[in-house]
Amino acid sequence: MAQGPAPRVALTFVPEFDAVRSDDEVSLTFNLHLQAPEMREGAAEGAGRSVVSLSSVLDKSGSMSGQKLDLVKRASFFMVAQLGSRDKLGVIEYDSEVHELIPLSRASAAFKTESKRMLSSIEPGSCTNLRCLLWTSVRVLACTGT
């Protein structure tokens, strides 16, 4: 059985700024986009990879207001869209309080729609409580057996 060329991985670097002055010393941030090859035609959903159980922890403290929180939401929407129906997703949001926004659940079509609605509702809060976040994360992982 003849096989075509091996699928390619796409790698793109996007700089934080389109242009900078040449006489300034500047530290730049780059967004790295890595795209895996598409699954082959006829493959059952998820047959080419293992099931994913993903817990996402989102900082919604006051320092994340504006563009930062918007980027977190956009990245979260993209993440939800990539999940197959056998995958699981859970989301914890935190500022001075820690809240399990989305309990770890299978990513059905209805779940994805509701997850996007819930992620859209995240608003910036107050200060950051990492101690409480750590304990909540440990508790969630212990309850799921992960």
N, C-alpha and C. Protein backbone atom coordinates (compact mmCIF):
# COMPACT_ATOMS: atom_id res chain seq x y z
N MET A 1 0.85 -1.17 0.00
CA MET A 1 0.00 0.00 0.00
C MET A 1 0.90 1.24 0.00
N ALA A 2 0.78 2.07 -1.01
CA ALA A 2 1.62 3.26 -1.14
C ALA A 2 1.10 4.37 -0.23
N GLN A 3 2.03 5.04 0.43
CA GLN A 3 1.66 6.15 1.29
C GLN A 3 2.22 7.43 0.70
N GLY A 4 1.49 8.52 0.88
CA GLY A 4 1.94 9.83 0.40
C GLY A 4 3.01 10.38 1.33
N PRO A 5 3.42 11.62 1.07
CA PRO A 5 4.44 12.23 1.92
C PRO A 5 3.94 12.36 3.36
N ALA A 6 4.87 12.33 4.29
CA ALA A 6 4.53 12.47 5.71
C ALA A 6 3.88 13.84 5.96
N PRO A 7 2.86 13.88 6.82
CA PRO A 7 2.24 15.17 7.14
C PRO A 7 3.26 16.10 7.78
N ARG A 8 3.09 17.40 7.55
CA ARG A 8 4.02 18.39 8.09
C ARG A 8 3.41 19.15 9.25
N VAL A 9 4.29 19.54 10.14
CA VAL A 9 3.90 20.39 11.26
C VAL A 9 4.17 21.83 10.86
N ALA A 10 3.19 22.72 11.10
CA ALA A 10 3.35 24.14 10.78
C ALA A 10 3.79 24.88 12.04
N LEU A 11 4.82 25.70 11.91
CA LEU A 11 5.35 26.48 13.02
C LEU A 11 5.44 27.94 12.61
N THR A 12 4.78 28.82 13.36
CA THR A 12 4.76 30.25 13.04
C THR A 12 5.14 31.07 14.27
N PHE A 13 6.00 32.07 14.08
CA PHE A 13 6.35 33.02 15.14
C PHE A 13 5.71 34.36 14.79
N VAL A 14 4.98 34.95 15.74
CA VAL A 14 4.37 36.25 15.53
C VAL A 14 4.92 37.20 16.59
N PRO A 15 5.61 38.29 16.18
CA PRO A 15 6.19 39.22 17.17
C PRO A 15 5.11 40.06 17.83
N GLU A 16 5.43 40.54 19.03
CA GLU A 16 4.52 41.39 19.78
C GLU A 16 4.25 42.70 19.05
N PHE A 17 5.28 43.25 18.40
CA PHE A 17 5.16 44.52 17.68
C PHE A 17 5.50 44.29 16.21
N ASP A 18 4.80 45.01 15.31
CA ASP A 18 5.10 44.91 13.88
C ASP A 18 6.44 45.55 13.54
N ALA A 19 6.79 46.62 14.26
CA ALA A 19 8.04 47.33 13.99
C ALA A 19 8.54 47.97 15.29
N VAL A 20 9.87 48.11 15.40
CA VAL A 20 10.48 48.82 16.53
C VAL A 20 11.57 49.72 15.99
N ARG A 21 11.89 50.76 16.73
CA ARG A 21 12.96 51.66 16.31
C ARG A 21 14.28 50.92 16.38
N SER A 22 15.12 51.14 15.39
CA SER A 22 16.40 50.43 15.33
C SER A 22 17.42 50.95 16.33
N ASP A 23 17.20 52.15 16.86
CA ASP A 23 18.17 52.70 17.81
C ASP A 23 17.79 52.40 19.27
N ASP A 24 16.73 51.63 19.47
CA ASP A 24 16.31 51.25 20.81
C ASP A 24 16.67 49.80 21.09
N GLU A 25 17.09 49.54 22.34
CA GLU A 25 17.27 48.15 22.76
C GLU A 25 15.91 47.67 23.25
N VAL A 26 15.39 46.60 22.66
CA VAL A 26 14.03 46.16 22.94
C VAL A 26 14.01 44.67 23.23
N SER A 27 13.24 44.30 24.23
CA SER A 27 12.95 42.89 24.45
C SER A 27 11.61 42.61 23.78
N LEU A 28 11.56 41.59 22.96
CA LEU A 28 10.34 41.27 22.24
C LEU A 28 9.73 39.98 22.76
N THR A 29 8.42 39.94 22.72
CA THR A 29 7.68 38.73 23.04
C THR A 29 7.13 38.19 21.74
N PHE A 30 7.23 36.88 21.55
CA PHE A 30 6.70 36.25 20.36
C PHE A 30 5.61 35.26 20.74
N ASN A 31 4.60 35.18 19.91
CA ASN A 31 3.57 34.17 20.06
C ASN A 31 3.96 33.03 19.13
N LEU A 32 4.08 31.85 19.67
CA LEU A 32 4.45 30.67 18.89
C LEU A 32 3.18 29.87 18.60
N HIS A 33 2.93 29.60 17.34
CA HIS A 33 1.78 28.81 16.93
C HIS A 33 2.29 27.53 16.30
N LEU A 34 1.97 26.42 16.91
CA LEU A 34 2.38 25.11 16.42
C LEU A 34 1.12 24.35 16.05
N GLN A 35 1.04 23.93 14.78
CA GLN A 35 -0.15 23.23 14.33
C GLN A 35 0.23 21.83 13.87
N ALA A 36 -0.37 20.85 14.51
CA ALA A 36 -0.14 19.46 14.15
C ALA A 36 -0.85 19.14 12.83
N PRO A 37 -0.39 18.11 12.14
CA PRO A 37 -1.06 17.74 10.88
C PRO A 37 -2.50 17.28 11.13
N GLU A 38 -3.32 17.47 10.11
CA GLU A 38 -4.69 16.99 10.18
C GLU A 38 -4.70 15.47 10.24
N MET A 39 -5.72 14.91 10.89
CA MET A 39 -5.86 13.45 10.90
C MET A 39 -6.28 13.00 9.52
N ARG A 40 -5.92 11.81 9.17
CA ARG A 40 -6.24 11.29 7.84
C ARG A 40 -7.72 11.00 7.68
N GLU A 41 -8.20 11.11 6.46
CA GLU A 41 -9.59 10.81 6.13
C GLU A 41 -9.94 9.40 6.58
N GLY A 42 -11.16 9.24 7.07
CA GLY A 42 -11.63 7.92 7.44
C GLY A 42 -11.24 7.49 8.84
N ALA A 43 -10.36 8.22 9.51
CA ALA A 43 -9.97 7.84 10.87
C ALA A 43 -11.10 8.21 11.82
N ALA A 44 -11.41 7.33 12.74
CA ALA A 44 -12.44 7.62 13.73
C ALA A 44 -11.98 8.78 14.60
N GLU A 45 -12.95 9.55 15.11
CA GLU A 45 -12.59 10.70 15.95
C GLU A 45 -11.76 10.23 17.13
N GLY A 46 -10.61 10.84 17.32
CA GLY A 46 -9.74 10.52 18.44
C GLY A 46 -8.92 9.26 18.26
N ALA A 47 -9.09 8.56 17.13
CA ALA A 47 -8.37 7.30 16.94
C ALA A 47 -6.87 7.51 16.81
N GLY A 48 -6.45 8.71 16.36
CA GLY A 48 -5.04 8.97 16.16
C GLY A 48 -4.32 9.50 17.37
N ARG A 49 -5.02 9.70 18.47
CA ARG A 49 -4.37 10.23 19.66
C ARG A 49 -5.09 9.73 20.90
N SER A 50 -4.44 9.90 22.03
CA SER A 50 -5.04 9.51 23.31
C SER A 50 -6.10 10.51 23.72
N VAL A 51 -6.97 10.08 24.60
CA VAL A 51 -7.98 10.97 25.16
C VAL A 51 -7.27 11.97 26.07
N VAL A 52 -7.74 13.21 26.04
CA VAL A 52 -7.14 14.29 26.83
C VAL A 52 -8.08 14.66 27.98
N SER A 53 -7.53 14.75 29.19
CA SER A 53 -8.24 15.32 30.33
C SER A 53 -7.48 16.57 30.72
N LEU A 54 -8.08 17.72 30.50
CA LEU A 54 -7.39 19.00 30.65
C LEU A 54 -8.06 19.85 31.72
N SER A 55 -7.28 20.27 32.71
CA SER A 55 -7.75 21.24 33.70
C SER A 55 -7.03 22.54 33.45
N SER A 56 -7.79 23.58 33.17
CA SER A 56 -7.23 24.89 32.88
C SER A 56 -7.43 25.80 34.09
N VAL A 57 -6.38 26.50 34.48
CA VAL A 57 -6.44 27.42 35.61
C VAL A 57 -6.25 28.83 35.07
N LEU A 58 -7.27 29.69 35.26
CA LEU A 58 -7.29 31.01 34.66
C LEU A 58 -7.19 32.11 35.71
N ASP A 59 -6.20 32.97 35.57
CA ASP A 59 -6.02 34.12 36.45
C ASP A 59 -6.96 35.23 35.99
N LYS A 60 -7.90 35.60 36.86
CA LYS A 60 -8.83 36.68 36.51
C LYS A 60 -8.66 37.85 37.48
N SER A 61 -7.48 37.94 38.10
CA SER A 61 -7.23 39.03 39.04
C SER A 61 -7.26 40.37 38.32
N GLY A 62 -7.32 41.45 39.09
CA GLY A 62 -7.42 42.79 38.52
C GLY A 62 -6.33 43.12 37.53
N SER A 63 -5.13 42.58 37.74
CA SER A 63 -4.01 42.87 36.82
C SER A 63 -4.23 42.25 35.45
N MET A 64 -5.22 41.36 35.32
CA MET A 64 -5.50 40.71 34.04
C MET A 64 -6.59 41.43 33.24
N SER A 65 -7.09 42.55 33.74
CA SER A 65 -8.19 43.23 33.06
C SER A 65 -7.77 43.71 31.67
N GLY A 66 -8.76 43.90 30.82
CA GLY A 66 -8.50 44.41 29.46
C GLY A 66 -7.99 43.34 28.51
N GLN A 67 -6.96 43.69 27.77
CA GLN A 67 -6.44 42.84 26.70
C GLN A 67 -5.93 41.49 27.22
N LYS A 68 -5.32 41.49 28.39
CA LYS A 68 -4.79 40.22 28.92
C LYS A 68 -5.90 39.20 29.12
N LEU A 69 -6.99 39.60 29.77
CA LEU A 69 -8.09 38.67 30.00
C LEU A 69 -8.79 38.31 28.69
N ASP A 70 -8.88 39.24 27.76
CA ASP A 70 -9.45 38.94 26.45
C ASP A 70 -8.63 37.86 25.74
N LEU A 71 -7.30 37.95 25.82
CA LEU A 71 -6.44 36.93 25.21
C LEU A 71 -6.60 35.58 25.88
N VAL A 72 -6.75 35.57 27.20
CA VAL A 72 -6.98 34.32 27.93
C VAL A 72 -8.28 33.68 27.46
N LYS A 73 -9.31 34.48 27.29
CA LYS A 73 -10.60 33.96 26.83
C LYS A 73 -10.48 33.41 25.41
N ARG A 74 -9.83 34.15 24.52
CA ARG A 74 -9.66 33.67 23.13
C ARG A 74 -8.89 32.36 23.10
N ALA A 75 -7.83 32.27 23.89
CA ALA A 75 -7.05 31.02 23.94
C ALA A 75 -7.91 29.88 24.50
N SER A 76 -8.75 30.18 25.46
CA SER A 76 -9.63 29.16 26.05
C SER A 76 -10.68 28.69 25.04
N PHE A 77 -11.25 29.62 24.26
CA PHE A 77 -12.21 29.24 23.22
C PHE A 77 -11.54 28.31 22.20
N PHE A 78 -10.31 28.66 21.81
CA PHE A 78 -9.58 27.83 20.85
C PHE A 78 -9.35 26.44 21.44
N MET A 79 -8.97 26.39 22.71
CA MET A 79 -8.71 25.12 23.38
C MET A 79 -9.98 24.26 23.39
N VAL A 80 -11.11 24.85 23.71
CA VAL A 80 -12.38 24.11 23.74
C VAL A 80 -12.70 23.55 22.36
N ALA A 81 -12.47 24.36 21.33
CA ALA A 81 -12.79 23.94 19.95
C ALA A 81 -11.94 22.74 19.51
N GLN A 82 -10.75 22.57 20.09
CA GLN A 82 -9.86 21.49 19.67
C GLN A 82 -10.19 20.16 20.33
N LEU A 83 -11.02 20.16 21.36
CA LEU A 83 -11.33 18.94 22.09
C LEU A 83 -12.28 18.05 21.32
N GLY A 84 -12.03 16.75 21.38
CA GLY A 84 -12.94 15.76 20.81
C GLY A 84 -13.98 15.37 21.84
N SER A 85 -15.01 14.66 21.41
CA SER A 85 -16.11 14.30 22.31
C SER A 85 -15.68 13.32 23.40
N ARG A 86 -14.54 12.64 23.22
CA ARG A 86 -14.03 11.72 24.26
C ARG A 86 -13.15 12.44 25.27
N ASP A 87 -12.73 13.67 24.95
CA ASP A 87 -11.86 14.44 25.83
C ASP A 87 -12.65 15.03 27.00
N LYS A 88 -11.91 15.48 28.02
CA LYS A 88 -12.53 16.12 29.19
C LYS A 88 -11.87 17.47 29.43
N LEU A 89 -12.66 18.40 29.96
CA LEU A 89 -12.16 19.73 30.30
C LEU A 89 -12.73 20.16 31.63
N GLY A 90 -11.90 20.82 32.42
CA GLY A 90 -12.31 21.49 33.65
C GLY A 90 -11.63 22.84 33.71
N VAL A 91 -12.28 23.84 34.33
CA VAL A 91 -11.69 25.18 34.41
C VAL A 91 -11.83 25.70 35.84
N ILE A 92 -10.71 26.18 36.37
CA ILE A 92 -10.69 26.85 37.67
C ILE A 92 -10.31 28.30 37.40
N GLU A 93 -11.07 29.23 37.98
CA GLU A 93 -10.74 30.65 37.86
C GLU A 93 -10.35 31.15 39.25
N TYR A 94 -9.42 32.11 39.27
CA TYR A 94 -9.01 32.61 40.58
C TYR A 94 -8.61 34.08 40.53
N ASP A 95 -8.83 34.72 41.66
CA ASP A 95 -8.30 36.04 42.00
C ASP A 95 -8.07 35.96 43.50
N SER A 96 -8.75 36.74 44.33
CA SER A 96 -8.62 36.55 45.78
C SER A 96 -9.40 35.32 46.23
N GLU A 97 -10.33 34.87 45.43
CA GLU A 97 -11.09 33.65 45.67
C GLU A 97 -10.79 32.65 44.54
N VAL A 98 -10.98 31.38 44.83
CA VAL A 98 -10.79 30.33 43.83
C VAL A 98 -12.14 29.67 43.60
N HIS A 99 -12.50 29.50 42.33
CA HIS A 99 -13.80 28.95 41.99
C HIS A 99 -13.65 27.93 40.85
N GLU A 100 -14.21 26.75 41.05
CA GLU A 100 -14.22 25.76 39.98
C GLU A 100 -15.37 26.13 39.03
N LEU A 101 -15.02 26.85 37.97
CA LEU A 101 -16.01 27.36 37.04
C LEU A 101 -16.67 26.24 36.24
N ILE A 102 -15.85 25.30 35.77
CA ILE A 102 -16.36 24.19 34.96
C ILE A 102 -15.78 22.90 35.54
N PRO A 103 -16.61 22.07 36.16
CA PRO A 103 -16.10 20.78 36.67
C PRO A 103 -15.62 19.91 35.50
N LEU A 104 -14.60 19.10 35.75
CA LEU A 104 -14.05 18.23 34.71
C LEU A 104 -15.16 17.35 34.14
N SER A 105 -15.42 17.51 32.83
CA SER A 105 -16.52 16.81 32.17
C SER A 105 -16.16 16.50 30.72
N ARG A 106 -16.85 15.51 30.15
CA ARG A 106 -16.65 15.18 28.74
C ARG A 106 -17.06 16.34 27.85
N ALA A 107 -16.33 16.51 26.75
CA ALA A 107 -16.52 17.66 25.86
C ALA A 107 -17.51 17.36 24.74
N SER A 108 -18.76 17.13 25.12
CA SER A 108 -19.81 16.96 24.12
C SER A 108 -20.08 18.30 23.43
N ALA A 109 -20.85 18.28 22.37
CA ALA A 109 -21.18 19.53 21.67
C ALA A 109 -21.90 20.50 22.60
N ALA A 110 -22.86 20.00 23.37
CA ALA A 110 -23.60 20.86 24.31
C ALA A 110 -22.67 21.40 25.39
N PHE A 111 -21.75 20.57 25.87
CA PHE A 111 -20.79 21.00 26.88
C PHE A 111 -19.90 22.11 26.33
N LYS A 112 -19.45 21.97 25.09
CA LYS A 112 -18.60 23.00 24.48
C LYS A 112 -19.33 24.34 24.38
N THR A 113 -20.60 24.30 23.98
CA THR A 113 -21.39 25.52 23.87
C THR A 113 -21.52 26.19 25.24
N GLU A 114 -21.86 25.41 26.25
CA GLU A 114 -22.02 25.95 27.60
C GLU A 114 -20.68 26.44 28.17
N SER A 115 -19.59 25.73 27.88
CA SER A 115 -18.26 26.14 28.35
C SER A 115 -17.88 27.49 27.77
N LYS A 116 -18.13 27.69 26.48
CA LYS A 116 -17.82 28.97 25.85
C LYS A 116 -18.63 30.10 26.48
N ARG A 117 -19.90 29.83 26.80
CA ARG A 117 -20.74 30.83 27.45
C ARG A 117 -20.17 31.18 28.83
N MET A 118 -19.77 30.15 29.58
CA MET A 118 -19.24 30.38 30.92
C MET A 118 -17.90 31.12 30.87
N LEU A 119 -17.04 30.74 29.91
CA LEU A 119 -15.75 31.43 29.76
C LEU A 119 -15.96 32.89 29.37
N SER A 120 -16.95 33.17 28.55
CA SER A 120 -17.25 34.55 28.15
C SER A 120 -17.65 35.41 29.34
N SER A 121 -18.23 34.79 30.36
CA SER A 121 -18.75 35.54 31.51
C SER A 121 -17.67 35.93 32.51
N ILE A 122 -16.44 35.46 32.34
CA ILE A 122 -15.38 35.78 33.30
C ILE A 122 -15.08 37.27 33.26
N GLU A 123 -15.08 37.88 34.43
CA GLU A 123 -14.78 39.31 34.58
C GLU A 123 -13.57 39.46 35.50
N PRO A 124 -12.76 40.52 35.32
CA PRO A 124 -11.60 40.71 36.20
C PRO A 124 -12.05 40.93 37.64
N GLY A 125 -11.26 40.40 38.57
CA GLY A 125 -11.60 40.50 39.98
C GLY A 125 -10.62 41.36 40.74
N SER A 126 -10.18 40.86 41.89
CA SER A 126 -9.31 41.65 42.77
C SER A 126 -7.89 41.08 42.78
N CYS A 127 -7.31 40.90 43.96
CA CYS A 127 -5.92 40.45 44.06
C CYS A 127 -5.80 38.94 43.87
N THR A 128 -4.58 38.43 43.89
CA THR A 128 -4.30 37.02 43.60
C THR A 128 -4.06 36.24 44.89
N ASN A 129 -4.71 35.08 45.03
CA ASN A 129 -4.55 34.22 46.19
C ASN A 129 -4.02 32.87 45.71
N LEU A 130 -2.70 32.77 45.55
CA LEU A 130 -2.10 31.54 45.01
C LEU A 130 -2.19 30.38 46.00
N ARG A 131 -2.15 30.66 47.29
CA ARG A 131 -2.20 29.58 48.28
C ARG A 131 -3.51 28.81 48.16
N CYS A 132 -4.61 29.54 48.10
CA CYS A 132 -5.92 28.91 47.97
C CYS A 132 -6.05 28.19 46.63
N LEU A 133 -5.48 28.77 45.58
CA LEU A 133 -5.50 28.14 44.27
C LEU A 133 -4.80 26.79 44.30
N LEU A 134 -3.64 26.73 44.92
CA LEU A 134 -2.88 25.48 45.00
C LEU A 134 -3.69 24.40 45.70
N TRP A 135 -4.31 24.72 46.83
CA TRP A 135 -5.08 23.72 47.56
C TRP A 135 -6.30 23.27 46.78
N THR A 136 -6.96 24.17 46.10
CA THR A 136 -8.13 23.80 45.30
C THR A 136 -7.71 22.89 44.15
N SER A 137 -6.59 23.21 43.49
CA SER A 137 -6.11 22.38 42.38
C SER A 137 -5.78 20.97 42.85
N VAL A 138 -5.13 20.85 43.99
CA VAL A 138 -4.80 19.53 44.54
C VAL A 138 -6.07 18.76 44.86
N ARG A 139 -7.06 19.44 45.44
CA ARG A 139 -8.33 18.79 45.78
C ARG A 139 -9.04 18.29 44.53
N VAL A 140 -9.09 19.09 43.48
CA VAL A 140 -9.75 18.71 42.23
C VAL A 140 -9.06 17.49 41.62
N LEU A 141 -7.73 17.51 41.57
CA LEU A 141 -6.98 16.38 41.01
C LEU A 141 -7.20 15.11 41.83
N ALA A 142 -7.24 15.25 43.14
CA ALA A 142 -7.45 14.08 44.01
C ALA A 142 -8.85 13.47 43.79
N CYS A 143 -9.84 14.33 43.58
CA CYS A 143 -11.21 13.85 43.37
C CYS A 143 -11.40 13.15 42.03
N THR A 144 -10.60 13.52 41.04
CA THR A 144 -10.76 12.92 39.72
C THR A 144 -9.87 11.69 39.54
N GLY A 145 -8.99 11.44 40.51
CA GLY A 145 -8.11 10.28 40.43
C GLY A 145 -6.97 10.48 39.44
N THR A 146 -6.71 11.71 39.06
CA THR A 146 -5.65 12.00 38.09
C THR A 146 -4.32 12.15 38.76
